[in-house]
Amino acid sequence: MAKTLYERLGEIEGIRKLVDDVVDLHMINPIVGPRFAPYADDPEKLAVIKNHTVNFFCMGSGGPQTYAGRDMPTTHKGMNISEHEYIEVVDDIMIALDKNNRGEEEKKDVLAILYSLKDGIIRV
């Protein structure tokens, strides 16, 4: 039986590490970093966001976790995220996948998920 994306990403601990690495990359990314900079001074809020992201990604990749946060359009409404910012976020995620030694199939599957969400993120 084929493994789920959740399993191939290392289940919750692998996804938690991936999310930590992605957020670290976002913080230093010159394009999206300014959106994440305020969270550097609010570690409790950052922990909540990371936890929501972990649960969202676990559930979306076949894990047993439940995501109880807002949907993508509600979360990003009024942020006016540009296509360029969106691509920068995707690039950071691909870099984090490489850093965590994930293969091409995992990257392809994650990319498909990311692109399925883009209409609820860009310019909403």
Protein backbone atom coordinates (compact mmCIF):
# COMPACT_ATOMS: atom_id res chain seq x y z
CA MET A 1 0.00 0.00 0.00
CA ALA A 2 1.32 3.43 -0.97
CA LYS A 3 2.26 5.84 1.80
CA THR A 4 0.32 9.06 2.20
CA LEU A 5 2.03 12.41 1.75
CA TYR A 6 1.68 12.83 5.51
CA GLU A 7 3.74 9.68 6.06
CA ARG A 8 6.27 10.61 3.39
CA LEU A 9 6.81 14.01 5.05
CA GLY A 10 7.64 12.36 8.37
CA GLU A 11 4.19 12.60 9.95
CA ILE A 12 3.56 15.34 12.52
CA GLU A 13 7.18 15.70 13.65
CA GLY A 14 8.47 15.95 10.10
CA ILE A 15 5.79 18.48 9.20
CA ARG A 16 6.47 20.48 12.39
CA LYS A 17 10.17 20.68 11.43
CA LEU A 18 9.21 21.66 7.91
CA VAL A 19 6.91 24.45 9.18
CA ASP A 20 9.64 25.74 11.52
CA ASP A 21 12.10 25.87 8.62
CA VAL A 22 9.58 27.57 6.32
CA VAL A 23 8.79 30.26 8.89
CA ASP A 24 12.52 30.85 9.46
CA LEU A 25 12.95 31.32 5.71
CA HIS A 26 9.93 33.64 5.50
CA MET A 27 11.38 35.80 8.29
CA ILE A 28 14.57 36.48 6.30
CA ASN A 29 12.95 36.62 2.87
CA PRO A 30 13.19 40.25 1.66
CA ILE A 31 9.85 40.02 -0.16
CA VAL A 32 7.63 38.39 2.49
CA GLY A 33 9.74 39.03 5.57
CA PRO A 34 8.01 42.32 6.38
CA ARG A 35 4.70 40.45 6.71
CA PHE A 36 6.25 38.03 9.20
CA ALA A 37 8.51 40.45 11.11
CA PRO A 38 5.85 41.49 13.67
CA TYR A 39 5.62 37.88 14.85
CA ALA A 40 9.31 37.90 15.85
CA ASP A 41 8.31 40.08 18.81
CA ASP A 42 5.25 37.98 19.66
CA PRO A 43 6.41 34.37 20.16
CA GLU A 44 3.05 33.27 21.57
CA LYS A 45 1.19 34.45 18.45
CA LEU A 46 3.87 32.89 16.24
CA ALA A 47 3.46 29.57 18.08
CA VAL A 48 -0.31 29.68 17.47
CA ILE A 49 0.22 30.38 13.76
CA LYS A 50 2.77 27.58 13.47
CA ASN A 51 0.48 25.15 15.26
CA HIS A 52 -2.43 26.03 12.96
CA THR A 53 -0.14 25.61 9.96
CA VAL A 54 1.09 22.22 11.18
CA ASN A 55 -2.47 20.98 11.73
CA PHE A 56 -3.63 22.39 8.38
CA PHE A 57 -0.82 20.68 6.53
CA CYS A 58 -1.14 17.42 8.46
CA MET A 59 -4.86 17.18 7.74
CA GLY A 60 -4.38 18.20 4.09
CA SER A 61 -1.68 15.61 3.52
CA GLY A 62 -3.60 12.67 4.94
CA GLY A 63 -2.81 12.87 8.65
CA PRO A 64 -5.26 12.35 11.52
CA GLN A 65 -4.98 15.91 12.87
CA THR A 66 -7.90 18.30 12.73
CA TYR A 67 -7.51 21.87 11.53
CA ALA A 68 -9.81 24.23 13.42
CA GLY A 69 -8.54 27.53 11.99
CA ARG A 70 -10.00 29.84 9.40
CA ASP A 71 -10.15 29.01 5.71
CA MET A 72 -7.64 30.53 3.29
CA PRO A 73 -9.82 33.39 1.95
CA THR A 74 -10.85 34.47 5.46
CA THR A 75 -7.28 34.28 6.73
CA HIS A 76 -5.83 36.31 3.85
CA LYS A 77 -8.72 38.71 3.22
CA GLY A 78 -7.53 42.30 2.96
CA MET A 79 -3.84 41.39 2.90
CA ASN A 80 -3.62 42.02 -0.87
CA ILE A 81 -0.96 39.36 -1.31
CA SER A 82 0.67 39.68 -4.71
CA GLU A 83 1.57 36.91 -7.12
CA HIS A 84 5.25 37.71 -6.45
CA GLU A 85 4.79 37.26 -2.70
CA TYR A 86 2.93 34.01 -3.27
CA ILE A 87 5.77 32.63 -5.44
CA GLU A 88 8.32 33.67 -2.80
CA VAL A 89 6.37 31.70 -0.17
CA VAL A 90 6.22 28.68 -2.48
CA ASP A 91 9.97 28.98 -3.14
CA ASP A 92 10.67 29.07 0.62
CA ILE A 93 8.59 25.93 1.06
CA MET A 94 10.51 24.16 -1.73
CA ILE A 95 13.82 25.19 -0.10
CA ALA A 96 12.61 23.82 3.25
CA LEU A 97 11.59 20.55 1.60
CA ASP A 98 15.11 20.26 0.13
CA LYS A 99 16.64 21.08 3.52
CA ASN A 100 14.57 18.27 5.05
CA ASN A 101 15.69 15.81 2.37
CA ARG A 102 12.27 15.34 0.81
CA GLY A 103 12.16 13.90 -2.69
CA GLU A 104 10.79 15.11 -5.98
CA GLU A 105 7.49 13.27 -5.53
CA GLU A 106 6.89 14.97 -2.19
CA LYS A 107 7.80 18.36 -3.64
CA LYS A 108 5.46 17.77 -6.58
CA ASP A 109 2.61 16.78 -4.25
CA VAL A 110 3.18 19.76 -1.95
CA LEU A 111 3.32 22.09 -4.96
CA ALA A 112 -0.03 20.73 -6.16
CA ILE A 113 -1.56 21.49 -2.76
CA LEU A 114 -0.09 24.99 -2.71
CA TYR A 115 -1.40 25.80 -6.17
CA SER A 116 -4.84 24.48 -5.25
CA LEU A 117 -4.95 27.12 -2.50
CA LYS A 118 -3.66 30.13 -4.43
CA ASP A 119 -7.06 31.59 -5.43
CA GLY A 120 -7.91 31.87 -1.73
CA ILE A 121 -4.67 33.71 -0.99
CA ILE A 122 -3.72 36.05 -3.85
CA ARG A 123 -5.44 39.46 -3.86
CA VAL A 124 -8.41 38.44 -1.70
